[in-house]
């Protein structure tokens, strides 16, 4: 019960941070550069979403176990998007969506190259 309460509190803090700082910043940047809503959503929201992962990876790389954490985070986030997010998008779409196989092969290839590079740098 305590863990569930902690998760709820963490999400409340994240939500308030996004509402207070990130959302107005994205609106300002998209209006300043005259981005369309879809372009702002694809670029700026994706950047805001990934910023926490980048900061966590930088902080984690300072410890011995940080490399293992970074590799695990890389694969965990990627496989989450490749499985759950794409599947939910396909199933909930009013139109038929066909995903090209080359996209998945490209992403998996990128993950393998990024993992090898991370392990090389760690070595």
PDB file of N, CA and C in Angstrom:
ATOM      1  N   UNK A   1       0.839  -1.196   0.000  1.00  0.00           N
ATOM      2  CA  UNK A   1       0.000   0.000   0.000  1.00  0.00           C
ATOM      3  C   UNK A   1       0.876   1.249   0.000  1.00  0.00           C
ATOM      4  N   UNK A   2       1.989   1.191   0.741  1.00  0.00           N
ATOM      5  CA  UNK A   2       2.894   2.335   0.801  1.00  0.00           C
ATOM      6  C   UNK A   2       3.543   2.599  -0.557  1.00  0.00           C
ATOM      7  N   UNK A   3       3.887   1.549  -1.282  1.00  0.00           N
ATOM      8  CA  UNK A   3       4.487   1.713  -2.619  1.00  0.00           C
ATOM      9  C   UNK A   3       3.495   2.347  -3.589  1.00  0.00           C
ATOM     10  N   UNK A   4       2.253   1.914  -3.526  1.00  0.00           N
ATOM     11  CA  UNK A   4       1.230   2.485  -4.404  1.00  0.00           C
ATOM     12  C   UNK A   4       1.022   3.966  -4.080  1.00  0.00           C
ATOM     13  N   UNK A   5       1.011   4.290  -2.810  1.00  0.00           N
ATOM     14  CA  UNK A   5       0.881   5.682  -2.399  1.00  0.00           C
ATOM     15  C   UNK A   5       2.066   6.508  -2.885  1.00  0.00           C
ATOM     16  N   UNK A   6       3.272   5.960  -2.801  1.00  0.00           N
ATOM     17  CA  UNK A   6       4.457   6.666  -3.278  1.00  0.00           C
ATOM     18  C   UNK A   6       4.382   6.909  -4.783  1.00  0.00           C
ATOM     19  N   UNK A   7       3.910   5.920  -5.542  1.00  0.00           N
ATOM     20  CA  UNK A   7       3.783   6.085  -6.995  1.00  0.00           C
ATOM     21  C   UNK A   7       2.767   7.173  -7.330  1.00  0.00           C
ATOM     22  N   UNK A   8       1.657   7.196  -6.614  1.00  0.00           N
ATOM     23  CA  UNK A   8       0.643   8.233  -6.842  1.00  0.00           C
ATOM     24  C   UNK A   8       1.217   9.614  -6.553  1.00  0.00           C
ATOM     25  N   UNK A   9       1.961   9.745  -5.486  1.00  0.00           N
ATOM     26  CA  UNK A   9       2.566  11.039  -5.130  1.00  0.00           C
ATOM     27  C   UNK A   9       3.583  11.464  -6.186  1.00  0.00           C
ATOM     28  N   UNK A  10       4.384  10.522  -6.653  1.00  0.00           N
ATOM     29  CA  UNK A  10       5.381  10.839  -7.683  1.00  0.00           C
ATOM     30  C   UNK A  10       4.689  11.320  -8.959  1.00  0.00           C
ATOM     31  N   UNK A  11       3.626  10.626  -9.370  1.00  0.00           N
ATOM     32  CA  UNK A  11       2.905  11.045 -10.563  1.00  0.00           C
ATOM     33  C   UNK A  11       2.257  12.411 -10.379  1.00  0.00           C
ATOM     34  N   UNK A  12       1.784  12.718  -9.182  1.00  0.00           N
ATOM     35  CA  UNK A  12       1.208  14.037  -8.917  1.00  0.00           C
ATOM     36  C   UNK A  12       2.263  15.134  -9.068  1.00  0.00           C
ATOM     37  N   UNK A  13       3.484  14.883  -8.545  1.00  0.00           N
ATOM     38  CA  UNK A  13       4.567  15.858  -8.678  1.00  0.00           C
ATOM     39  C   UNK A  13       4.985  16.022 -10.130  1.00  0.00           C
ATOM     40  N   UNK A  14       5.063  14.921 -10.854  1.00  0.00           N
ATOM     41  CA  UNK A  14       5.423  15.001 -12.269  1.00  0.00           C
ATOM     42  C   UNK A  14       4.353  15.765 -13.042  1.00  0.00           C
ATOM     43  N   UNK A  15       3.106  15.482 -12.756  1.00  0.00           N
ATOM     44  CA  UNK A  15       1.996  16.164 -13.425  1.00  0.00           C
ATOM     45  C   UNK A  15       2.030  17.670 -13.165  1.00  0.00           C
ATOM     46  N   UNK A  16       2.280  18.054 -11.926  1.00  0.00           N
ATOM     47  CA  UNK A  16       2.326  19.489 -11.620  1.00  0.00           C
ATOM     48  C   UNK A  16       3.523  20.160 -12.279  1.00  0.00           C
ATOM     49  N   UNK A  17       4.654  19.457 -12.372  1.00  0.00           N
ATOM     50  CA  UNK A  17       5.827  20.006 -13.048  1.00  0.00           C
ATOM     51  C   UNK A  17       5.559  20.203 -14.529  1.00  0.00           C
ATOM     52  N   UNK A  18       4.932  19.222 -15.150  1.00  0.00           N
ATOM     53  CA  UNK A  18       4.604  19.331 -16.572  1.00  0.00           C
ATOM     54  C   UNK A  18       3.621  20.467 -16.805  1.00  0.00           C
ATOM     55  N   UNK A  19       2.596  20.551 -15.978  1.00  0.00           N
ATOM     56  CA  UNK A  19       1.598  21.612 -16.139  1.00  0.00           C
ATOM     57  C   UNK A  19       2.188  22.997 -15.937  1.00  0.00           C
ATOM     58  N   UNK A  20       3.115  23.114 -15.007  1.00  0.00           N
ATOM     59  CA  UNK A  20       3.640  24.431 -14.668  1.00  0.00           C
ATOM     60  C   UNK A  20       4.784  24.885 -15.568  1.00  0.00           C
ATOM     61  N   UNK A  21       5.647  23.968 -15.996  1.00  0.00           N
ATOM     62  CA  UNK A  21       6.843  24.365 -16.727  1.00  0.00           C
ATOM     63  C   UNK A  21       6.895  23.857 -18.163  1.00  0.00           C
ATOM     64  N   UNK A  22       6.689  22.580 -18.375  1.00  0.00           N
ATOM     65  CA  UNK A  22       6.931  22.004 -19.691  1.00  0.00           C
ATOM     66  C   UNK A  22       5.838  22.398 -20.690  1.00  0.00           C
ATOM     67  N   UNK A  23       4.572  22.263 -20.317  1.00  0.00           N
ATOM     68  CA  UNK A  23       3.481  22.577 -21.254  1.00  0.00           C
ATOM     69  C   UNK A  23       3.522  24.035 -21.727  1.00  0.00           C
ATOM     70  N   UNK A  24       3.653  25.021 -20.832  1.00  0.00           N
ATOM     71  CA  UNK A  24       3.737  26.400 -21.332  1.00  0.00           C
ATOM     72  C   UNK A  24       4.975  26.645 -22.199  1.00  0.00           C
ATOM     73  N   UNK A  25       6.062  25.980 -21.889  1.00  0.00           N
ATOM     74  CA  UNK A  25       7.269  26.149 -22.696  1.00  0.00           C
ATOM     75  C   UNK A  25       7.070  25.602 -24.100  1.00  0.00           C
ATOM     76  N   UNK A  26       6.414  24.449 -24.198  1.00  0.00           N
ATOM     77  CA  UNK A  26       6.149  23.858 -25.511  1.00  0.00           C
ATOM     78  C   UNK A  26       5.203  24.750 -26.309  1.00  0.00           C
ATOM     79  N   UNK A  27       4.197  25.294 -25.668  1.00  0.00           N
ATOM     80  CA  UNK A  27       3.270  26.199 -26.352  1.00  0.00           C
ATOM     81  C   UNK A  27       4.016  27.437 -26.838  1.00  0.00           C
ATOM     82  N   UNK A  28       4.875  28.011 -26.001  1.00  0.00           N
ATOM     83  CA  UNK A  28       5.620  29.204 -26.378  1.00  0.00           C
ATOM     84  C   UNK A  28       6.555  28.930 -27.554  1.00  0.00           C
ATOM     85  N   UNK A  29       7.289  27.824 -27.481  1.00  0.00           N
ATOM     86  CA  UNK A  29       8.226  27.492 -28.552  1.00  0.00           C
ATOM     87  C   UNK A  29       7.483  27.231 -29.860  1.00  0.00           C
ATOM     88  N   UNK A  30       6.382  26.507 -29.795  1.00  0.00           N
ATOM     89  CA  UNK A  30       5.641  26.207 -31.030  1.00  0.00           C
ATOM     90  C   UNK A  30       5.004  27.463 -31.626  1.00  0.00           C
ATOM     91  N   UNK A  31       4.546  28.394 -30.790  1.00  0.00           N
ATOM     92  CA  UNK A  31       4.003  29.648 -31.313  1.00  0.00           C
ATOM     93  C   UNK A  31       5.104  30.539 -31.866  1.00  0.00           C
ATOM     94  N   UNK A  32       6.256  30.570 -31.208  1.00  0.00           N
ATOM     95  CA  UNK A  32       7.370  31.408 -31.655  1.00  0.00           C
ATOM     96  C   UNK A  32       7.877  30.967 -33.026  1.00  0.00           C
ATOM     97  N   UNK A  33       8.039  29.654 -33.216  1.00  0.00           N
ATOM     98  CA  UNK A  33       8.530  29.124 -34.481  1.00  0.00           C
ATOM     99  C   UNK A  33       7.409  28.817 -35.474  1.00  0.00           C
ATOM    100  N   UNK A  34       6.154  29.113 -35.092  1.00  0.00           N
ATOM    101  CA  UNK A  34       4.977  28.892 -35.924  1.00  0.00           C
ATOM    102  C   UNK A  34       4.872  27.436 -36.389  1.00  0.00           C
ATOM    103  N   UNK A  35       5.077  26.511 -35.421  1.00  0.00           N
ATOM    104  CA  UNK A  35       4.917  25.082 -35.689  1.00  0.00           C
ATOM    105  C   UNK A  35       3.441  24.740 -35.741  1.00  0.00           C
ATOM    106  N   UNK A  36       3.109  23.753 -36.557  1.00  0.00           N
ATOM    107  CA  UNK A  36       1.748  23.228 -36.502  1.00  0.00           C
ATOM    108  C   UNK A  36       1.620  22.388 -35.229  1.00  0.00           C
ATOM    109  N   UNK A  37       0.379  22.104 -34.839  1.00  0.00           N
ATOM    110  CA  UNK A  37       0.175  21.322 -33.615  1.00  0.00           C
ATOM    111  C   UNK A  37       0.774  19.931 -33.738  1.00  0.00           C
ATOM    112  N   UNK A  38       0.654  19.328 -34.907  1.00  0.00           N
ATOM    113  CA  UNK A  38       1.191  17.974 -35.074  1.00  0.00           C
ATOM    114  C   UNK A  38       2.715  17.975 -35.030  1.00  0.00           C
ATOM    115  N   UNK A  39       3.355  18.973 -35.652  1.00  0.00           N
ATOM    116  CA  UNK A  39       4.818  19.035 -35.607  1.00  0.00           C
ATOM    117  C   UNK A  39       5.305  19.295 -34.189  1.00  0.00           C
ATOM    118  N   UNK A  40       4.637  20.177 -33.469  1.00  0.00           N
ATOM    119  CA  UNK A  40       5.016  20.441 -32.079  1.00  0.00           C
ATOM    120  C   UNK A  40       4.847  19.187 -31.233  1.00  0.00           C
ATOM    121  N   UNK A  41       3.779  18.449 -31.465  1.00  0.00           N
ATOM    122  CA  UNK A  41       3.554  17.218 -30.697  1.00  0.00           C
ATOM    123  C   UNK A  41       4.599  16.160 -30.986  1.00  0.00           C
ATOM    124  N   UNK A  42       4.960  16.028 -32.246  1.00  0.00           N
ATOM    125  CA  UNK A  42       5.922  14.985 -32.616  1.00  0.00           C
ATOM    126  C   UNK A  42       7.328  15.333 -32.146  1.00  0.00           C
ATOM    127  N   UNK A  43       7.721  16.586 -32.252  1.00  0.00           N
ATOM    128  CA  UNK A  43       9.102  16.950 -31.913  1.00  0.00           C
ATOM    129  C   UNK A  43       9.269  17.392 -30.469  1.00  0.00           C
ATOM    130  N   UNK A  44       8.545  18.409 -30.072  1.00  0.00           N
ATOM    131  CA  UNK A  44       8.763  18.988 -28.748  1.00  0.00           C
ATOM    132  C   UNK A  44       8.298  18.065 -27.632  1.00  0.00           C
ATOM    133  N   UNK A  45       7.147  17.429 -27.803  1.00  0.00           N
ATOM    134  CA  UNK A  45       6.677  16.512 -26.768  1.00  0.00           C
ATOM    135  C   UNK A  45       7.578  15.284 -26.668  1.00  0.00           C
ATOM    136  N   UNK A  46       8.065  14.819 -27.799  1.00  0.00           N
ATOM    137  CA  UNK A  46       8.989  13.684 -27.772  1.00  0.00           C
ATOM    138  C   UNK A  46      10.290  14.078 -27.063  1.00  0.00           C
ATOM    139  N   UNK A  47      10.754  15.296 -27.314  1.00  0.00           N
ATOM    140  CA  UNK A  47      11.963  15.758 -26.630  1.00  0.00           C
ATOM    141  C   UNK A  47      11.725  15.875 -25.127  1.00  0.00           C
ATOM    142  N   UNK A  48      10.595  16.433 -24.746  1.00  0.00           N
ATOM    143  CA  UNK A  48      10.282  16.570 -23.319  1.00  0.00           C
ATOM    144  C   UNK A  48      10.126  15.206 -22.670  1.00  0.00           C
ATOM    145  N   UNK A  49       9.573  14.260 -23.390  1.00  0.00           N
ATOM    146  CA  UNK A  49       9.388  12.921 -22.856  1.00  0.00           C
ATOM    147  C   UNK A  49      10.729  12.216 -22.659  1.00  0.00           C
ATOM    148  N   UNK A  50      11.664  12.419 -23.559  1.00  0.00           N
ATOM    149  CA  UNK A  50      12.952  11.740 -23.472  1.00  0.00           C
ATOM    150  C   UNK A  50      13.974  12.442 -22.597  1.00  0.00           C
ATOM    151  N   UNK A  51      13.719  13.668 -22.209  1.00  0.00           N
ATOM    152  CA  UNK A  51      14.698  14.424 -21.428  1.00  0.00           C
ATOM    153  C   UNK A  51      14.995  13.762 -20.088  1.00  0.00           C
ATOM    154  N   UNK A  52      13.982  13.224 -19.450  1.00  0.00           N
ATOM    155  CA  UNK A  52      14.199  12.548 -18.163  1.00  0.00           C
ATOM    156  C   UNK A  52      15.076  11.319 -18.306  1.00  0.00           C
ATOM    157  N   UNK A  53      14.897  10.575 -19.398  1.00  0.00           N
ATOM    158  CA  UNK A  53      15.738   9.405 -19.638  1.00  0.00           C
ATOM    159  C   UNK A  53      17.192   9.795 -19.876  1.00  0.00           C
ATOM    160  N   UNK A  54      17.395  10.878 -20.585  1.00  0.00           N
ATOM    161  CA  UNK A  54      18.770  11.334 -20.855  1.00  0.00           C
ATOM    162  C   UNK A  54      19.454  11.753 -19.555  1.00  0.00           C
ATOM    163  N   UNK A  55      18.760  12.511 -18.731  1.00  0.00           N
ATOM    164  CA  UNK A  55      19.336  12.945 -17.454  1.00  0.00           C
ATOM    165  C   UNK A  55      19.633  11.740 -16.561  1.00  0.00           C
ATOM    166  N   UNK A  56      18.708  10.787 -16.509  1.00  0.00           N
ATOM    167  CA  UNK A  56      18.917   9.589 -15.703  1.00  0.00           C
ATOM    168  C   UNK A  56      20.114   8.793 -16.207  1.00  0.00           C
ATOM    169  N   UNK A  57      20.265   8.679 -17.509  1.00  0.00           N
ATOM    170  CA  UNK A  57      21.397   7.945 -18.081  1.00  0.00           C
ATOM    171  C   UNK A  57      22.717   8.628 -17.757  1.00  0.00           C
ATOM    172  N   UNK A  58      22.740   9.945 -17.797  1.00  0.00           N
ATOM    173  CA  UNK A  58      23.970  10.677 -17.473  1.00  0.00           C
ATOM    174  C   UNK A  58      24.334  10.480 -16.005  1.00  0.00           C
ATOM    175  N   UNK A  59      23.345  10.588 -15.126  1.00  0.00           N
ATOM    176  CA  UNK A  59      23.596  10.413 -13.696  1.00  0.00           C
ATOM    177  C   UNK A  59      24.020   8.980 -13.401  1.00  0.00           C
ATOM    178  N   UNK A  60      23.358   8.003 -14.021  1.00  0.00           N
ATOM    179  CA  UNK A  60      23.661   6.597 -13.760  1.00  0.00           C
ATOM    180  C   UNK A  60      25.027   6.186 -14.285  1.00  0.00           C
ATOM    181  N   UNK A  61      25.513   6.868 -15.310  1.00  0.00           N
ATOM    182  CA  UNK A  61      26.809   6.472 -15.869  1.00  0.00           C
ATOM    183  C   UNK A  61      27.965   6.802 -14.940  1.00  0.00           C
ATOM    184  N   UNK A  62      27.714   7.548 -13.875  1.00  0.00           N
ATOM    185  CA  UNK A  62      28.764   7.859 -12.921  1.00  0.00           C
ATOM    186  C   UNK A  62      29.059   6.732 -11.948  1.00  0.00           C
ATOM    187  N   UNK A  63      28.221   5.708 -11.895  1.00  0.00           N
ATOM    188  CA  UNK A  63      28.443   4.597 -10.973  1.00  0.00           C
ATOM    189  C   UNK A  63      28.850   3.349 -11.742  1.00  0.00           C
ATOM    190  N   UNK A  64      29.337   2.345 -11.004  1.00  0.00           N
ATOM    191  CA  UNK A  64      29.775   1.096 -11.624  1.00  0.00           C
ATOM    192  C   UNK A  64      28.644   0.365 -12.322  1.00  0.00           C
ATOM    193  N   UNK A  65      27.492   0.329 -11.701  1.00  0.00           N
ATOM    194  CA  UNK A  65      26.349  -0.380 -12.257  1.00  0.00           C
ATOM    195  C   UNK A  65      25.573   0.467 -13.257  1.00  0.00           C
ATOM    196  N   UNK A  66      26.030   1.664 -13.519  1.00  0.00           N
ATOM    197  CA  UNK A  66      25.310   2.582 -14.401  1.00  0.00           C
ATOM    198  C   UNK A  66      25.197   2.089 -15.825  1.00  0.00           C
ATOM    199  N   UNK A  67      26.227   1.400 -16.317  1.00  0.00           N
ATOM    200  CA  UNK A  67      26.184   0.894 -17.690  1.00  0.00           C
ATOM    201  C   UNK A  67      25.075  -0.137 -17.831  1.00  0.00           C
ATOM    202  N   UNK A  68      24.968  -1.034 -16.876  1.00  0.00           N
ATOM    203  CA  UNK A  68      23.897  -2.028 -16.921  1.00  0.00           C
ATOM    204  C   UNK A  68      22.536  -1.350 -16.866  1.00  0.00           C
ATOM    205  N   UNK A  69      22.427  -0.313 -16.057  1.00  0.00           N
ATOM    206  CA  UNK A  69      21.167   0.423 -15.984  1.00  0.00           C
ATOM    207  C   UNK A  69      20.844   1.072 -17.323  1.00  0.00           C
ATOM    208  N   UNK A  70      21.834   1.700 -17.943  1.00  0.00           N
ATOM    209  CA  UNK A  70      21.599   2.376 -19.218  1.00  0.00           C
ATOM    210  C   UNK A  70      21.178   1.398 -20.307  1.00  0.00           C
ATOM    211  N   UNK A  71      21.827   0.236 -20.373  1.00  0.00           N
ATOM    212  CA  UNK A  71      21.464  -0.762 -21.375  1.00  0.00           C
ATOM    213  C   UNK A  71      20.056  -1.276 -21.106  1.00  0.00           C
ATOM    214  N   UNK A  72      19.740  -1.545 -19.844  1.00  0.00           N
ATOM    215  CA  UNK A  72      18.401  -2.009 -19.500  1.00  0.00           C
ATOM    216  C   UNK A  72      17.331  -0.975 -19.804  1.00  0.00           C
ATOM    217  N   UNK A  73      17.615   0.286 -19.524  1.00  0.00           N
ATOM    218  CA  UNK A  73      16.656   1.350 -19.811  1.00  0.00           C
ATOM    219  C   UNK A  73      16.458   1.507 -21.313  1.00  0.00           C
ATOM    220  N   UNK A  74      17.539   1.389 -22.058  1.00  0.00           N
ATOM    221  CA  UNK A  74      17.465   1.494 -23.512  1.00  0.00           C
ATOM    222  C   UNK A  74      16.545   0.426 -24.088  1.00  0.00           C
ATOM    223  N   UNK A  75      16.777  -0.811 -23.705  1.00  0.00           N
ATOM    224  CA  UNK A  75      15.957  -1.902 -24.218  1.00  0.00           C
ATOM    225  C   UNK A  75      14.542  -1.873 -23.648  1.00  0.00           C
ATOM    226  N   UNK A  76      14.400  -1.545 -22.394  1.00  0.00           N
ATOM    227  CA  UNK A  76      13.069  -1.514 -21.796  1.00  0.00           C
ATOM    228  C   UNK A  76      12.171  -0.485 -22.451  1.00  0.00           C
ATOM    229  N   UNK A  77      12.667   0.723 -22.634  1.00  0.00           N
ATOM    230  CA  UNK A  77      11.860   1.773 -23.268  1.00  0.00           C
ATOM    231  C   UNK A  77      11.571   1.430 -24.719  1.00  0.00           C
ATOM    232  N   UNK A  78      12.565   0.922 -25.406  1.00  0.00           N
ATOM    233  CA  UNK A  78      12.368   0.587 -26.817  1.00  0.00           C
ATOM    234  C   UNK A  78      11.376  -0.534 -27.023  1.00  0.00           C
ATOM    235  N   UNK A  79      11.498  -1.579 -26.238  1.00  0.00           N
ATOM    236  CA  UNK A  79      10.568  -2.699 -26.380  1.00  0.00           C
ATOM    237  C   UNK A  79       9.163  -2.334 -25.922  1.00  0.00           C
ATOM    238  N   UNK A  80       9.056  -1.436 -24.957  1.00  0.00           N
ATOM    239  CA  UNK A  80       7.742  -0.956 -24.536  1.00  0.00           C
ATOM    240  C   UNK A  80       7.042  -0.258 -25.698  1.00  0.00           C
ATOM    241  N   UNK A  81       7.773   0.614 -26.376  1.00  0.00           N
ATOM    242  CA  UNK A  81       7.185   1.329 -27.510  1.00  0.00           C
ATOM    243  C   UNK A  81       6.907   0.372 -28.664  1.00  0.00           C
ATOM    244  N   UNK A  82       7.855  -0.523 -28.937  1.00  0.00           N
ATOM    245  CA  UNK A  82       7.679  -1.450 -30.062  1.00  0.00           C
ATOM    246  C   UNK A  82       6.543  -2.440 -29.838  1.00  0.00           C
ATOM    247  N   UNK A  83       6.212  -2.729 -28.603  1.00  0.00           N
ATOM    248  CA  UNK A  83       5.167  -3.718 -28.361  1.00  0.00           C
ATOM    249  C   UNK A  83       3.863  -3.057 -27.939  1.00  0.00           C
ATOM    250  N   UNK A  84       3.822  -2.494 -26.781  1.00  0.00           N
ATOM    251  CA  UNK A  84       2.564  -2.008 -26.221  1.00  0.00           C
ATOM    252  C   UNK A  84       2.034  -0.770 -26.937  1.00  0.00           C
ATOM    253  N   UNK A  85       2.875   0.219 -27.149  1.00  0.00           N
ATOM    254  CA  UNK A  85       2.399   1.476 -27.743  1.00  0.00           C
ATOM    255  C   UNK A  85       1.938   1.256 -29.181  1.00  0.00           C
ATOM    256  N   UNK A  86       2.737   0.551 -29.972  1.00  0.00           N
ATOM    257  CA  UNK A  86       2.338   0.311 -31.362  1.00  0.00           C
ATOM    258  C   UNK A  86       1.087  -0.562 -31.410  1.00  0.00           C
ATOM    259  N   UNK A  87       1.027  -1.592 -30.574  1.00  0.00           N
ATOM    260  CA  UNK A  87      -0.151  -2.468 -30.575  1.00  0.00           C
ATOM    261  C   UNK A  87      -1.409  -1.714 -30.183  1.00  0.00           C
ATOM    262  N   UNK A  88      -1.338  -0.895 -29.151  1.00  0.00           N
ATOM    263  CA  UNK A  88      -2.518  -0.135 -28.720  1.00  0.00           C
ATOM    264  C   UNK A  88      -2.927   0.880 -29.784  1.00  0.00           C
ATOM    265  N   UNK A  89      -1.960   1.462 -30.469  1.00  0.00           N
ATOM    266  CA  UNK A  89      -2.274   2.403 -31.541  1.00  0.00           C
ATOM    267  C   UNK A  89      -2.983   1.700 -32.689  1.00  0.00           C
ATOM    268  N   UNK A  90      -2.486   0.524 -33.064  1.00  0.00           N
ATOM    269  CA  UNK A  90      -3.100  -0.223 -34.160  1.00  0.00           C
ATOM    270  C   UNK A  90      -4.506  -0.683 -33.786  1.00  0.00           C
ATOM    271  N   UNK A  91      -4.667  -1.231 -32.589  1.00  0.00           N
ATOM    272  CA  UNK A  91      -5.976  -1.758 -32.186  1.00  0.00           C
ATOM    273  C   UNK A  91      -7.021  -0.669 -31.988  1.00  0.00           C
ATOM    274  N   UNK A  92      -6.618   0.512 -31.547  1.00  0.00           N
ATOM    275  CA  UNK A  92      -7.577   1.580 -31.247  1.00  0.00           C
ATOM    276  C   UNK A  92      -7.788   2.558 -32.397  1.00  0.00           C
ATOM    277  N   UNK A  93      -7.117   2.360 -33.500  1.00  0.00           N
ATOM    278  CA  UNK A  93      -7.255   3.266 -34.634  1.00  0.00           C
ATOM    279  C   UNK A  93      -8.550   2.980 -35.392  1.00  0.00           C
ATOM    280  N   UNK A  94      -9.272   4.035 -35.773  1.00  0.00           N
ATOM    281  CA  UNK A  94     -10.486   3.806 -36.556  1.00  0.00           C
ATOM    282  C   UNK A  94     -10.168   3.333 -37.979  1.00  0.00           C
ATOM    283  N   UNK A  95      -8.993   3.669 -38.478  1.00  0.00           N
ATOM    284  CA  UNK A  95      -8.564   3.227 -39.805  1.00  0.00           C
ATOM    285  C   UNK A  95      -7.564   2.084 -39.652  1.00  0.00           C
ATOM    286  N   UNK A  96      -7.394   1.323 -40.696  1.00  0.00           N
ATOM    287  CA  UNK A  96      -6.427   0.227 -40.686  1.00  0.00           C
ATOM    288  C   UNK A  96      -5.019   0.796 -40.782  1.00  0.00           C
ATOM    289  N   UNK A  97      -4.150   0.381 -39.864  1.00  0.00           N
ATOM    290  CA  UNK A  97      -2.760   0.816 -39.850  1.00  0.00           C
ATOM    291  C   UNK A  97      -1.883  -0.388 -40.175  1.00  0.00           C
ATOM    292  N   UNK A  98      -0.988  -0.207 -41.118  1.00  0.00           N
ATOM    293  CA  UNK A  98      -0.045  -1.262 -41.481  1.00  0.00           C
ATOM    294  C   UNK A  98       1.348  -0.741 -41.157  1.00  0.00           C
ATOM    295  N   UNK A  99       2.079  -1.472 -40.335  1.00  0.00           N
ATOM    296  CA  UNK A  99       3.429  -1.078 -39.955  1.00  0.00           C
ATOM    297  C   UNK A  99       4.410  -1.807 -40.865  1.00  0.00           C
ATOM    298  N   UNK A 100       5.295  -1.063 -41.486  1.00  0.00           N
ATOM    299  CA  UNK A 100       6.295  -1.635 -42.367  1.00  0.00           C
ATOM    300  C   UNK A 100       7.336  -2.393 -41.540  1.00  0.00           C
ATOM    301  N   UNK A 101       7.712  -3.563 -41.990  1.00  0.00           N
ATOM    302  CA  UNK A 101       8.686  -4.382 -41.253  1.00  0.00           C
ATOM    303  C   UNK A 101      10.032  -3.688 -41.136  1.00  0.00           C
ATOM    304  N   UNK A 102      10.371  -2.870 -42.115  1.00  0.00           N
ATOM    305  CA  UNK A 102      11.679  -2.217 -42.092  1.00  0.00           C
ATOM    306  C   UNK A 102      11.812  -1.271 -40.897  1.00  0.00           C
ATOM    307  N   UNK A 103      10.695  -0.721 -40.425  1.00  0.00           N
ATOM    308  CA  UNK A 103      10.741   0.180 -39.268  1.00  0.00           C
ATOM    309  C   UNK A 103      11.204  -0.587 -38.033  1.00  0.00           C
ATOM    310  N   UNK A 104      10.653  -1.766 -37.835  1.00  0.00           N
ATOM    311  CA  UNK A 104      11.026  -2.561 -36.663  1.00  0.00           C
ATOM    312  C   UNK A 104      12.471  -3.033 -36.784  1.00  0.00           C
ATOM    313  N   UNK A 105      12.871  -3.472 -37.985  1.00  0.00           N
ATOM    314  CA  UNK A 105      14.255  -3.894 -38.180  1.00  0.00           C
ATOM    315  C   UNK A 105      15.222  -2.729 -37.974  1.00  0.00           C
ATOM    316  N   UNK A 106      14.833  -1.543 -38.411  1.00  0.00           N
ATOM    317  CA  UNK A 106      15.672  -0.362 -38.212  1.00  0.00           C
ATOM    318  C   UNK A 106      15.846  -0.070 -36.725  1.00  0.00           C
ATOM    319  N   UNK A 107      14.738  -0.112 -35.976  1.00  0.00           N
ATOM    320  CA  UNK A 107      14.800   0.179 -34.549  1.00  0.00           C
ATOM    321  C   UNK A 107      15.633  -0.861 -33.797  1.00  0.00           C
ATOM    322  N   UNK A 108      15.432  -2.124 -34.108  1.00  0.00           N
ATOM    323  CA  UNK A 108      16.213  -3.172 -33.437  1.00  0.00           C
ATOM    324  C   UNK A 108      17.686  -3.033 -33.786  1.00  0.00           C
ATOM    325  N   UNK A 109      17.987  -2.711 -35.040  1.00  0.00           N
ATOM    326  CA  UNK A 109      19.386  -2.474 -35.431  1.00  0.00           C
ATOM    327  C   UNK A 109      19.988  -1.306 -34.675  1.00  0.00           C
ATOM    328  N   UNK A 110      19.206  -0.251 -34.509  1.00  0.00           N
ATOM    329  CA  UNK A 110      19.684   0.899 -33.746  1.00  0.00           C
ATOM    330  C   UNK A 110      19.967   0.523 -32.300  1.00  0.00           C
ATOM    331  N   UNK A 111      19.089  -0.274 -31.705  1.00  0.00           N
ATOM    332  CA  UNK A 111      19.292  -0.699 -30.319  1.00  0.00           C
ATOM    333  C   UNK A 111      20.552  -1.535 -30.182  1.00  0.00           C
ATOM    334  N   UNK A 112      20.789  -2.418 -31.127  1.00  0.00           N
ATOM    335  CA  UNK A 112      21.998  -3.249 -31.069  1.00  0.00           C
ATOM    336  C   UNK A 112      23.246  -2.382 -31.206  1.00  0.00           C
ATOM    337  N   UNK A 113      23.242  -1.444 -32.147  1.00  0.00           N
ATOM    338  CA  UNK A 113      24.403  -0.561 -32.331  1.00  0.00           C
ATOM    339  C   UNK A 113      24.611   0.312 -31.094  1.00  0.00           C
ATOM    340  N   UNK A 114      23.534   0.862 -30.538  1.00  0.00           N
ATOM    341  CA  UNK A 114      23.658   1.705 -29.346  1.00  0.00           C
ATOM    342  C   UNK A 114      24.175   0.903 -28.155  1.00  0.00           C
ATOM    343  N   UNK A 115      23.727  -0.335 -28.025  1.00  0.00           N
ATOM    344  CA  UNK A 115      24.206  -1.184 -26.929  1.00  0.00           C
ATOM    345  C   UNK A 115      25.679  -1.505 -27.100  1.00  0.00           C
ATOM    346  N   UNK A 116      26.077  -1.864 -28.298  1.00  0.00           N
ATOM    347  CA  UNK A 116      27.487  -2.150 -28.541  1.00  0.00           C
ATOM    348  C   UNK A 116      28.358  -0.930 -28.285  1.00  0.00           C
ATOM    349  N   UNK A 117      27.873   0.256 -28.710  1.00  0.00           N
ATOM    350  CA  UNK A 117      28.627   1.477 -28.463  1.00  0.00           C
ATOM    351  C   UNK A 117      28.728   1.766 -26.973  1.00  0.00           C
ATOM    352  N   UNK A 118      27.629   1.566 -26.247  1.00  0.00           N
ATOM    353  CA  UNK A 118      27.652   1.800 -24.796  1.00  0.00           C
ATOM    354  C   UNK A 118      28.620   0.847 -24.111  1.00  0.00           C
ATOM    355  N   UNK A 119      28.596  -0.403 -24.509  1.00  0.00           N
ATOM    356  CA  UNK A 119      29.513  -1.381 -23.912  1.00  0.00           C
ATOM    357  C   UNK A 119      30.964  -1.081 -24.279  1.00  0.00           C
ATOM    358  N   UNK A 120      31.187  -0.599 -25.499  1.00  0.00           N
ATOM    359  CA  UNK A 120      32.539  -0.216 -25.916  1.00  0.00           C
ATOM    360  C   UNK A 120      33.064   0.952 -25.093  1.00  0.00           C
ATOM    361  N   UNK A 121      32.221   1.953 -24.910  1.00  0.00           N
ATOM    362  CA  UNK A 121      32.621   3.116 -24.108  1.00  0.00           C
ATOM    363  C   UNK A 121      32.834   2.717 -22.656  1.00  0.00           C
ATOM    364  N   UNK A 122      31.975   1.819 -22.146  1.00  0.00           N
ATOM    365  CA  UNK A 122      32.133   1.365 -20.760  1.00  0.00           C
ATOM    366  C   UNK A 122      33.428   0.573 -20.562  1.00  0.00           C
ATOM    367  N   UNK A 123      33.803  -0.193 -21.584  1.00  0.00           N
ATOM    368  CA  UNK A 123      35.017  -0.989 -21.482  1.00  0.00           C
ATOM    369  C   UNK A 123      36.228  -0.085 -21.453  1.00  0.00           C
TER     370      UNK A 123
END
